[in-house]
Amino acid sequence: MTATSDLGAARPASPDLLRSVFRRHPAGVAVVTARGRSGPVGFTATSLASVSAEPPMLSFGVSTGGSSWPAIAETEHVGVHLLGEHQQALAATFARRGADRFGPGTAWREGPEGVPVLDGVPAWMVCRVTARVPAGDHRIVVAEVLAGDPTGHGRPLVYHQGRFSGLPD
């Protein structure tokens, strides 16, 4: 067996260690939206995962300290949008605290179940929330896919080493 790293460099577990390790893990970029009491809410997520094909289900993580959490905590339905490499600015807007996420720079419409659906994304789904699982300072939201559209254009947007980018050819 061959070791590829120096085990003497191991650091104790910490939030900084977790962030440093996951910066090396490229992840697709999604925006999760919901209808809130005072209007639409949304946030950028890189924790999206397919959970089940039958029934079709997915999961994502959401910070309980984020501005979207109160709406996500109460809503029955969410929108999940897979972003394209041409949507780096949109991803940054939905990731930034205090940003006007549904302002003039964001094209969207009301979709199934009243969920805000973003325009111009490569794919989107509307889902029914089935569970919110406590996980530290986050909740893992599990949701069943009700409808969607995988026919949008664009190559995927990824998050790696602390920045958004496209996939190389």
N, C-alpha and C. Protein backbone atom coordinates (compact mmCIF):
# COMPACT_ATOMS: atom_id res chain seq x y z
N MET A 1 0.85 -1.17 0.00
CA MET A 1 0.00 0.00 0.00
C MET A 1 0.90 1.24 0.00
N THR A 2 0.50 2.23 -0.78
CA THR A 2 1.28 3.46 -0.89
C THR A 2 0.49 4.63 -0.35
N ALA A 3 1.08 5.37 0.56
CA ALA A 3 0.43 6.57 1.10
C ALA A 3 0.71 7.73 0.17
N THR A 4 -0.31 8.55 -0.09
CA THR A 4 -0.13 9.68 -1.00
C THR A 4 -0.02 11.01 -0.28
N SER A 5 -0.26 11.03 1.02
CA SER A 5 -0.11 12.29 1.75
C SER A 5 0.56 12.01 3.09
N ASP A 6 1.12 13.05 3.66
CA ASP A 6 1.81 12.94 4.94
C ASP A 6 0.77 12.96 6.05
N LEU A 7 0.58 11.83 6.73
CA LEU A 7 -0.42 11.78 7.80
C LEU A 7 -0.03 12.67 8.98
N GLY A 8 1.23 13.06 9.06
CA GLY A 8 1.66 13.97 10.10
C GLY A 8 1.10 15.37 9.92
N ALA A 9 0.57 15.67 8.72
CA ALA A 9 0.01 16.98 8.44
C ALA A 9 -1.48 17.06 8.80
N ALA A 10 -2.02 15.97 9.31
CA ALA A 10 -3.45 15.96 9.67
C ALA A 10 -3.73 17.01 10.73
N ARG A 11 -4.88 17.70 10.56
CA ARG A 11 -5.30 18.73 11.51
C ARG A 11 -6.55 18.26 12.22
N PRO A 12 -6.79 18.72 13.44
CA PRO A 12 -8.03 18.36 14.13
C PRO A 12 -9.24 18.92 13.39
N ALA A 13 -10.36 18.25 13.52
CA ALA A 13 -11.59 18.70 12.87
C ALA A 13 -11.97 20.08 13.36
N SER A 14 -12.41 20.92 12.39
CA SER A 14 -12.87 22.28 12.70
C SER A 14 -13.67 22.78 11.50
N PRO A 15 -14.45 23.84 11.68
CA PRO A 15 -15.14 24.42 10.52
C PRO A 15 -14.17 24.82 9.41
N ASP A 16 -13.02 25.38 9.77
CA ASP A 16 -12.03 25.79 8.77
C ASP A 16 -11.49 24.58 8.00
N LEU A 17 -11.22 23.48 8.69
CA LEU A 17 -10.74 22.27 8.02
C LEU A 17 -11.79 21.77 7.02
N LEU A 18 -13.04 21.71 7.44
CA LEU A 18 -14.11 21.23 6.55
C LEU A 18 -14.21 22.11 5.31
N ARG A 19 -14.22 23.45 5.50
CA ARG A 19 -14.28 24.36 4.36
C ARG A 19 -13.07 24.17 3.45
N SER A 20 -11.88 24.03 4.03
CA SER A 20 -10.66 23.86 3.23
C SER A 20 -10.70 22.58 2.41
N VAL A 21 -11.16 21.50 2.99
CA VAL A 21 -11.25 20.23 2.26
C VAL A 21 -12.28 20.34 1.14
N PHE A 22 -13.46 20.89 1.43
CA PHE A 22 -14.51 20.94 0.41
C PHE A 22 -14.25 21.98 -0.68
N ARG A 23 -13.31 22.92 -0.47
CA ARG A 23 -12.91 23.82 -1.56
C ARG A 23 -12.25 23.02 -2.69
N ARG A 24 -11.71 21.87 -2.34
CA ARG A 24 -11.04 21.01 -3.33
C ARG A 24 -12.02 20.07 -4.03
N HIS A 25 -13.27 20.09 -3.61
CA HIS A 25 -14.30 19.21 -4.17
C HIS A 25 -15.20 20.01 -5.10
N PRO A 26 -15.05 19.86 -6.42
CA PRO A 26 -15.91 20.62 -7.32
C PRO A 26 -17.37 20.19 -7.16
N ALA A 27 -18.26 21.16 -7.19
CA ALA A 27 -19.68 20.86 -7.01
C ALA A 27 -20.51 21.66 -8.01
N GLY A 28 -21.56 21.05 -8.50
CA GLY A 28 -22.51 21.78 -9.32
C GLY A 28 -23.18 22.86 -8.49
N VAL A 29 -23.67 23.89 -9.18
CA VAL A 29 -24.27 25.03 -8.49
C VAL A 29 -25.76 25.08 -8.79
N ALA A 30 -26.54 25.21 -7.73
CA ALA A 30 -28.00 25.30 -7.85
C ALA A 30 -28.47 26.52 -7.08
N VAL A 31 -29.65 27.00 -7.43
CA VAL A 31 -30.35 27.99 -6.63
C VAL A 31 -31.66 27.36 -6.19
N VAL A 32 -31.93 27.45 -4.89
CA VAL A 32 -33.17 26.95 -4.32
C VAL A 32 -34.06 28.16 -4.05
N THR A 33 -35.32 28.09 -4.47
CA THR A 33 -36.27 29.20 -4.27
C THR A 33 -37.52 28.70 -3.55
N ALA A 34 -38.22 29.64 -2.95
CA ALA A 34 -39.50 29.33 -2.29
C ALA A 34 -40.31 30.61 -2.21
N ARG A 35 -41.58 30.44 -1.97
CA ARG A 35 -42.46 31.59 -1.74
C ARG A 35 -42.46 31.85 -0.24
N GLY A 36 -42.03 33.06 0.14
CA GLY A 36 -42.02 33.45 1.53
C GLY A 36 -43.22 34.31 1.87
N ARG A 37 -43.40 34.60 3.14
CA ARG A 37 -44.54 35.43 3.58
C ARG A 37 -44.53 36.82 2.96
N SER A 38 -43.32 37.38 2.76
CA SER A 38 -43.24 38.74 2.21
C SER A 38 -42.63 38.75 0.81
N GLY A 39 -42.71 37.65 0.11
CA GLY A 39 -42.21 37.58 -1.25
C GLY A 39 -41.29 36.39 -1.46
N PRO A 40 -40.74 36.28 -2.66
CA PRO A 40 -39.89 35.13 -2.96
C PRO A 40 -38.56 35.20 -2.22
N VAL A 41 -38.02 34.01 -1.90
CA VAL A 41 -36.71 33.89 -1.27
C VAL A 41 -35.91 32.86 -2.06
N GLY A 42 -34.59 32.90 -1.88
CA GLY A 42 -33.75 31.93 -2.54
C GLY A 42 -32.32 32.03 -2.08
N PHE A 43 -31.55 30.99 -2.37
CA PHE A 43 -30.14 30.96 -2.00
C PHE A 43 -29.39 30.01 -2.93
N THR A 44 -28.09 30.24 -3.04
CA THR A 44 -27.22 29.38 -3.83
C THR A 44 -26.83 28.17 -3.00
N ALA A 45 -26.90 26.99 -3.63
CA ALA A 45 -26.58 25.74 -2.93
C ALA A 45 -25.61 24.91 -3.77
N THR A 46 -24.62 24.32 -3.11
CA THR A 46 -23.73 23.37 -3.77
C THR A 46 -23.87 21.99 -3.14
N SER A 47 -24.84 21.86 -2.25
CA SER A 47 -25.03 20.59 -1.53
C SER A 47 -26.16 19.75 -2.10
N LEU A 48 -26.56 20.01 -3.32
CA LEU A 48 -27.67 19.30 -3.95
C LEU A 48 -27.28 17.86 -4.25
N ALA A 49 -28.20 16.92 -3.95
CA ALA A 49 -27.94 15.51 -4.24
C ALA A 49 -29.23 14.81 -4.67
N SER A 50 -29.10 13.90 -5.60
CA SER A 50 -30.19 13.00 -5.96
C SER A 50 -30.29 11.95 -4.86
N VAL A 51 -31.51 11.70 -4.38
CA VAL A 51 -31.70 10.76 -3.27
C VAL A 51 -32.35 9.46 -3.74
N SER A 52 -33.36 9.57 -4.59
CA SER A 52 -34.12 8.39 -4.99
C SER A 52 -34.69 8.61 -6.39
N ALA A 53 -34.75 7.53 -7.19
CA ALA A 53 -35.38 7.61 -8.50
C ALA A 53 -36.87 7.27 -8.42
N GLU A 54 -37.23 6.41 -7.47
CA GLU A 54 -38.63 6.00 -7.32
C GLU A 54 -39.03 6.03 -5.86
N PRO A 55 -39.74 7.02 -5.39
CA PRO A 55 -40.14 8.21 -6.15
C PRO A 55 -38.95 9.13 -6.35
N PRO A 56 -39.02 10.03 -7.35
CA PRO A 56 -37.91 10.95 -7.57
C PRO A 56 -37.77 11.93 -6.41
N MET A 57 -36.62 11.89 -5.75
CA MET A 57 -36.38 12.74 -4.58
C MET A 57 -34.96 13.29 -4.64
N LEU A 58 -34.79 14.44 -3.98
CA LEU A 58 -33.48 15.08 -3.88
C LEU A 58 -33.32 15.64 -2.47
N SER A 59 -32.09 16.11 -2.19
CA SER A 59 -31.84 16.77 -0.91
C SER A 59 -30.90 17.94 -1.13
N PHE A 60 -30.94 18.88 -0.19
CA PHE A 60 -29.99 20.00 -0.18
C PHE A 60 -29.86 20.48 1.24
N GLY A 61 -28.74 21.13 1.52
CA GLY A 61 -28.50 21.70 2.84
C GLY A 61 -28.82 23.19 2.84
N VAL A 62 -29.32 23.68 3.96
CA VAL A 62 -29.61 25.11 4.11
C VAL A 62 -29.21 25.54 5.52
N SER A 63 -28.54 26.66 5.62
CA SER A 63 -28.12 27.19 6.92
C SER A 63 -29.32 27.74 7.68
N THR A 64 -29.42 27.39 8.95
CA THR A 64 -30.51 27.92 9.76
C THR A 64 -30.28 29.39 10.12
N GLY A 65 -29.08 29.91 9.84
CA GLY A 65 -28.79 31.32 10.06
C GLY A 65 -28.98 32.18 8.83
N GLY A 66 -29.33 31.57 7.71
CA GLY A 66 -29.51 32.30 6.46
C GLY A 66 -30.86 32.98 6.37
N SER A 67 -30.93 34.00 5.55
CA SER A 67 -32.18 34.77 5.41
C SER A 67 -33.31 33.97 4.79
N SER A 68 -33.00 32.93 4.04
CA SER A 68 -34.05 32.11 3.40
C SER A 68 -34.61 31.04 4.32
N TRP A 69 -33.90 30.72 5.41
CA TRP A 69 -34.33 29.63 6.27
C TRP A 69 -35.75 29.77 6.80
N PRO A 70 -36.19 30.92 7.31
CA PRO A 70 -37.56 30.98 7.83
C PRO A 70 -38.62 30.54 6.80
N ALA A 71 -38.45 30.93 5.55
CA ALA A 71 -39.40 30.50 4.51
C ALA A 71 -39.25 29.02 4.20
N ILE A 72 -38.01 28.54 4.09
CA ILE A 72 -37.77 27.12 3.80
C ILE A 72 -38.30 26.25 4.95
N ALA A 73 -38.21 26.76 6.17
CA ALA A 73 -38.69 26.01 7.33
C ALA A 73 -40.20 25.81 7.31
N GLU A 74 -40.93 26.70 6.65
CA GLU A 74 -42.40 26.65 6.67
C GLU A 74 -43.03 26.17 5.37
N THR A 75 -42.33 26.33 4.26
CA THR A 75 -42.95 26.09 2.96
C THR A 75 -43.20 24.60 2.70
N GLU A 76 -44.18 24.34 1.88
CA GLU A 76 -44.44 22.97 1.43
C GLU A 76 -43.72 22.65 0.13
N HIS A 77 -43.35 23.69 -0.64
CA HIS A 77 -42.76 23.47 -1.96
C HIS A 77 -41.56 24.37 -2.18
N VAL A 78 -40.58 23.85 -2.93
CA VAL A 78 -39.38 24.60 -3.29
C VAL A 78 -39.10 24.42 -4.78
N GLY A 79 -38.37 25.38 -5.32
CA GLY A 79 -37.84 25.26 -6.67
C GLY A 79 -36.36 24.99 -6.59
N VAL A 80 -35.86 24.11 -7.44
CA VAL A 80 -34.44 23.79 -7.50
C VAL A 80 -33.99 24.02 -8.94
N HIS A 81 -33.01 24.90 -9.10
CA HIS A 81 -32.56 25.32 -10.43
C HIS A 81 -31.09 25.00 -10.60
N LEU A 82 -30.74 24.26 -11.64
CA LEU A 82 -29.35 23.97 -11.95
C LEU A 82 -28.84 25.09 -12.85
N LEU A 83 -27.77 25.75 -12.42
CA LEU A 83 -27.27 26.91 -13.15
C LEU A 83 -26.27 26.53 -14.22
N GLY A 84 -26.21 27.38 -15.25
CA GLY A 84 -25.25 27.21 -16.33
C GLY A 84 -24.05 28.13 -16.13
N GLU A 85 -22.96 27.82 -16.85
CA GLU A 85 -21.74 28.60 -16.69
C GLU A 85 -21.93 30.07 -17.04
N HIS A 86 -22.96 30.39 -17.81
CA HIS A 86 -23.27 31.78 -18.16
C HIS A 86 -23.97 32.52 -17.01
N GLN A 87 -24.21 31.84 -15.88
CA GLN A 87 -24.98 32.43 -14.78
C GLN A 87 -24.16 32.63 -13.51
N GLN A 88 -22.87 32.93 -13.66
CA GLN A 88 -22.02 33.18 -12.51
C GLN A 88 -22.53 34.37 -11.68
N ALA A 89 -22.99 35.42 -12.36
CA ALA A 89 -23.48 36.61 -11.64
C ALA A 89 -24.75 36.27 -10.85
N LEU A 90 -25.62 35.44 -11.44
CA LEU A 90 -26.84 35.03 -10.74
C LEU A 90 -26.49 34.21 -9.50
N ALA A 91 -25.54 33.29 -9.64
CA ALA A 91 -25.11 32.47 -8.49
C ALA A 91 -24.55 33.37 -7.40
N ALA A 92 -23.74 34.36 -7.77
CA ALA A 92 -23.16 35.27 -6.79
C ALA A 92 -24.24 36.11 -6.11
N THR A 93 -25.24 36.55 -6.86
CA THR A 93 -26.34 37.33 -6.27
C THR A 93 -27.08 36.52 -5.22
N PHE A 94 -27.41 35.28 -5.53
CA PHE A 94 -28.15 34.45 -4.59
C PHE A 94 -27.29 33.96 -3.42
N ALA A 95 -25.96 34.10 -3.54
CA ALA A 95 -25.06 33.72 -2.45
C ALA A 95 -24.76 34.88 -1.51
N ARG A 96 -25.00 36.12 -1.98
CA ARG A 96 -24.60 37.31 -1.23
C ARG A 96 -25.66 37.71 -0.22
N ARG A 97 -25.24 37.90 1.03
CA ARG A 97 -26.14 38.39 2.09
C ARG A 97 -26.63 39.78 1.76
N GLY A 98 -27.91 40.01 1.96
CA GLY A 98 -28.48 41.33 1.78
C GLY A 98 -28.75 41.72 0.33
N ALA A 99 -28.46 40.85 -0.62
CA ALA A 99 -28.68 41.17 -2.04
C ALA A 99 -30.17 41.15 -2.36
N ASP A 100 -30.56 41.96 -3.33
CA ASP A 100 -31.94 41.95 -3.84
C ASP A 100 -32.02 40.81 -4.86
N ARG A 101 -32.24 39.62 -4.37
CA ARG A 101 -32.13 38.42 -5.20
C ARG A 101 -33.20 38.33 -6.29
N PHE A 102 -34.34 38.94 -6.08
CA PHE A 102 -35.40 38.90 -7.08
C PHE A 102 -35.65 40.29 -7.67
N GLY A 103 -34.61 41.11 -7.70
CA GLY A 103 -34.69 42.46 -8.25
C GLY A 103 -34.67 42.45 -9.76
N PRO A 104 -34.47 43.63 -10.35
CA PRO A 104 -34.52 43.78 -11.81
C PRO A 104 -33.54 42.88 -12.57
N GLY A 105 -32.43 42.48 -11.97
CA GLY A 105 -31.46 41.64 -12.66
C GLY A 105 -31.80 40.17 -12.70
N THR A 106 -32.89 39.77 -12.06
CA THR A 106 -33.27 38.36 -11.99
C THR A 106 -34.58 38.12 -12.74
N ALA A 107 -34.51 37.35 -13.81
CA ALA A 107 -35.70 37.00 -14.59
C ALA A 107 -36.32 35.74 -13.99
N TRP A 108 -37.59 35.85 -13.59
CA TRP A 108 -38.27 34.71 -12.98
C TRP A 108 -39.78 34.85 -13.21
N ARG A 109 -40.47 33.77 -12.93
CA ARG A 109 -41.94 33.74 -13.04
C ARG A 109 -42.48 32.80 -11.98
N GLU A 110 -43.78 32.92 -11.73
CA GLU A 110 -44.40 31.99 -10.79
C GLU A 110 -44.63 30.67 -11.51
N GLY A 111 -44.15 29.60 -10.89
CA GLY A 111 -44.27 28.27 -11.49
C GLY A 111 -45.29 27.42 -10.76
N PRO A 112 -45.23 26.11 -10.98
CA PRO A 112 -46.15 25.19 -10.30
C PRO A 112 -46.10 25.39 -8.78
N GLU A 113 -47.24 25.25 -8.15
CA GLU A 113 -47.39 25.39 -6.69
C GLU A 113 -47.01 26.78 -6.20
N GLY A 114 -46.97 27.77 -7.11
CA GLY A 114 -46.64 29.14 -6.73
C GLY A 114 -45.17 29.38 -6.46
N VAL A 115 -44.32 28.42 -6.80
CA VAL A 115 -42.88 28.51 -6.53
C VAL A 115 -42.22 29.44 -7.56
N PRO A 116 -41.33 30.33 -7.13
CA PRO A 116 -40.57 31.14 -8.09
C PRO A 116 -39.66 30.25 -8.93
N VAL A 117 -39.79 30.36 -10.26
CA VAL A 117 -38.97 29.60 -11.19
C VAL A 117 -38.10 30.58 -11.96
N LEU A 118 -36.79 30.37 -11.92
CA LEU A 118 -35.84 31.25 -12.60
C LEU A 118 -35.82 30.95 -14.10
N ASP A 119 -35.73 32.01 -14.90
CA ASP A 119 -35.66 31.87 -16.35
C ASP A 119 -34.22 31.62 -16.79
N GLY A 120 -34.06 30.94 -17.91
CA GLY A 120 -32.75 30.80 -18.54
C GLY A 120 -31.82 29.78 -17.92
N VAL A 121 -32.33 28.92 -17.04
CA VAL A 121 -31.47 27.91 -16.42
C VAL A 121 -31.47 26.63 -17.27
N PRO A 122 -30.40 25.85 -17.22
CA PRO A 122 -30.38 24.60 -17.97
C PRO A 122 -31.44 23.59 -17.54
N ALA A 123 -31.81 23.61 -16.25
CA ALA A 123 -32.83 22.68 -15.76
C ALA A 123 -33.40 23.20 -14.45
N TRP A 124 -34.69 22.89 -14.21
CA TRP A 124 -35.32 23.26 -12.94
C TRP A 124 -36.33 22.19 -12.54
N MET A 125 -36.62 22.14 -11.24
CA MET A 125 -37.61 21.22 -10.69
C MET A 125 -38.40 21.94 -9.60
N VAL A 126 -39.66 21.60 -9.46
CA VAL A 126 -40.47 22.03 -8.32
C VAL A 126 -40.72 20.78 -7.49
N CYS A 127 -40.51 20.92 -6.19
CA CYS A 127 -40.53 19.77 -5.29
C CYS A 127 -41.40 20.02 -4.07
N ARG A 128 -41.94 18.94 -3.52
CA ARG A 128 -42.68 18.99 -2.26
C ARG A 128 -41.74 18.55 -1.14
N VAL A 129 -41.59 19.40 -0.13
CA VAL A 129 -40.71 19.10 0.99
C VAL A 129 -41.31 17.95 1.80
N THR A 130 -40.49 16.92 2.05
CA THR A 130 -40.97 15.77 2.83
C THR A 130 -40.30 15.67 4.20
N ALA A 131 -39.11 16.29 4.35
CA ALA A 131 -38.41 16.22 5.64
C ALA A 131 -37.40 17.36 5.75
N ARG A 132 -37.16 17.76 6.99
CA ARG A 132 -36.11 18.72 7.33
C ARG A 132 -35.33 18.09 8.48
N VAL A 133 -34.13 17.64 8.20
CA VAL A 133 -33.34 16.87 9.15
C VAL A 133 -32.28 17.77 9.79
N PRO A 134 -32.27 17.91 11.13
CA PRO A 134 -31.23 18.72 11.77
C PRO A 134 -29.84 18.15 11.50
N ALA A 135 -28.90 19.06 11.17
CA ALA A 135 -27.51 18.67 10.92
C ALA A 135 -26.62 19.84 11.32
N GLY A 136 -26.28 19.93 12.60
CA GLY A 136 -25.46 21.04 13.08
C GLY A 136 -26.18 22.36 12.91
N ASP A 137 -25.50 23.33 12.27
CA ASP A 137 -26.10 24.64 12.05
C ASP A 137 -26.88 24.70 10.73
N HIS A 138 -27.17 23.55 10.16
CA HIS A 138 -27.92 23.44 8.91
C HIS A 138 -29.11 22.49 9.09
N ARG A 139 -29.94 22.45 8.09
CA ARG A 139 -30.96 21.42 7.95
C ARG A 139 -30.76 20.79 6.57
N ILE A 140 -30.90 19.49 6.52
CA ILE A 140 -30.92 18.77 5.25
C ILE A 140 -32.38 18.66 4.87
N VAL A 141 -32.73 19.26 3.76
CA VAL A 141 -34.11 19.23 3.28
C VAL A 141 -34.22 18.12 2.25
N VAL A 142 -35.19 17.24 2.45
CA VAL A 142 -35.48 16.16 1.51
C VAL A 142 -36.79 16.52 0.84
N ALA A 143 -36.83 16.38 -0.49
CA ALA A 143 -38.02 16.81 -1.23
C ALA A 143 -38.30 15.87 -2.39
N GLU A 144 -39.58 15.69 -2.66
CA GLU A 144 -40.02 14.86 -3.79
C GLU A 144 -40.26 15.74 -5.00
N VAL A 145 -39.69 15.36 -6.13
CA VAL A 145 -39.83 16.13 -7.37
C VAL A 145 -41.25 15.94 -7.91
N LEU A 146 -41.93 17.07 -8.19
CA LEU A 146 -43.29 17.04 -8.73
C LEU A 146 -43.33 17.36 -10.22
N ALA A 147 -42.46 18.28 -10.67
CA ALA A 147 -42.44 18.73 -12.06
C ALA A 147 -41.08 19.33 -12.33
N GLY A 148 -40.74 19.46 -13.60
CA GLY A 148 -39.48 20.08 -13.94
C GLY A 148 -39.28 20.19 -15.42
N ASP A 149 -38.16 20.80 -15.81
CA ASP A 149 -37.82 20.98 -17.21
C ASP A 149 -36.30 20.85 -17.36
N PRO A 150 -35.83 19.78 -18.01
CA PRO A 150 -34.39 19.59 -18.20
C PRO A 150 -33.88 20.07 -19.56
N THR A 151 -34.67 20.89 -20.28
CA THR A 151 -34.34 21.20 -21.67
C THR A 151 -33.71 22.57 -21.89
N GLY A 152 -33.33 23.25 -20.82
CA GLY A 152 -32.68 24.56 -21.00
C GLY A 152 -31.30 24.39 -21.59
N HIS A 153 -30.71 25.51 -21.99
CA HIS A 153 -29.41 25.49 -22.65
C HIS A 153 -28.29 25.91 -21.70
N GLY A 154 -27.10 25.49 -22.04
CA GLY A 154 -25.93 25.92 -21.29
C GLY A 154 -25.18 24.76 -20.66
N ARG A 155 -23.89 24.97 -20.53
CA ARG A 155 -23.02 24.01 -19.84
C ARG A 155 -23.12 24.28 -18.34
N PRO A 156 -22.85 23.29 -17.50
CA PRO A 156 -23.04 23.46 -16.05
C PRO A 156 -22.06 24.44 -15.42
N LEU A 157 -22.54 25.11 -14.39
CA LEU A 157 -21.71 25.97 -13.55
C LEU A 157 -21.22 25.13 -12.38
N VAL A 158 -19.93 25.24 -12.05
CA VAL A 158 -19.37 24.52 -10.92
C VAL A 158 -18.71 25.51 -9.95
N TYR A 159 -18.60 25.07 -8.70
CA TYR A 159 -17.93 25.84 -7.67
C TYR A 159 -16.73 25.03 -7.21
N HIS A 160 -15.54 25.65 -7.31
CA HIS A 160 -14.31 24.94 -6.95
C HIS A 160 -13.27 25.96 -6.53
N GLN A 161 -12.55 25.65 -5.45
CA GLN A 161 -11.49 26.52 -4.94
C GLN A 161 -12.00 27.94 -4.66
N GLY A 162 -13.25 28.02 -4.18
CA GLY A 162 -13.80 29.31 -3.77
C GLY A 162 -14.30 30.20 -4.89
N ARG A 163 -14.47 29.63 -6.10
CA ARG A 163 -14.98 30.46 -7.19
C ARG A 163 -15.85 29.66 -8.14
N PHE A 164 -16.69 30.39 -8.87
CA PHE A 164 -17.56 29.79 -9.88
C PHE A 164 -16.81 29.71 -11.20
N SER A 165 -17.04 28.61 -11.93
CA SER A 165 -16.43 28.47 -13.26
C SER A 165 -17.20 27.42 -14.06
N GLY A 166 -16.85 27.32 -15.33
CA GLY A 166 -17.41 26.28 -16.17
C GLY A 166 -16.49 25.08 -16.21
N LEU A 167 -16.96 24.02 -16.84
CA LEU A 167 -16.13 22.83 -17.02
C LEU A 167 -15.23 23.02 -18.24
N PRO A 168 -13.97 22.61 -18.15
CA PRO A 168 -13.10 22.71 -19.32
C PRO A 168 -13.53 21.68 -20.38
N ASP A 169 -13.24 21.97 -21.63
CA ASP A 169 -13.55 21.02 -22.71
C ASP A 169 -12.62 19.84 -22.67
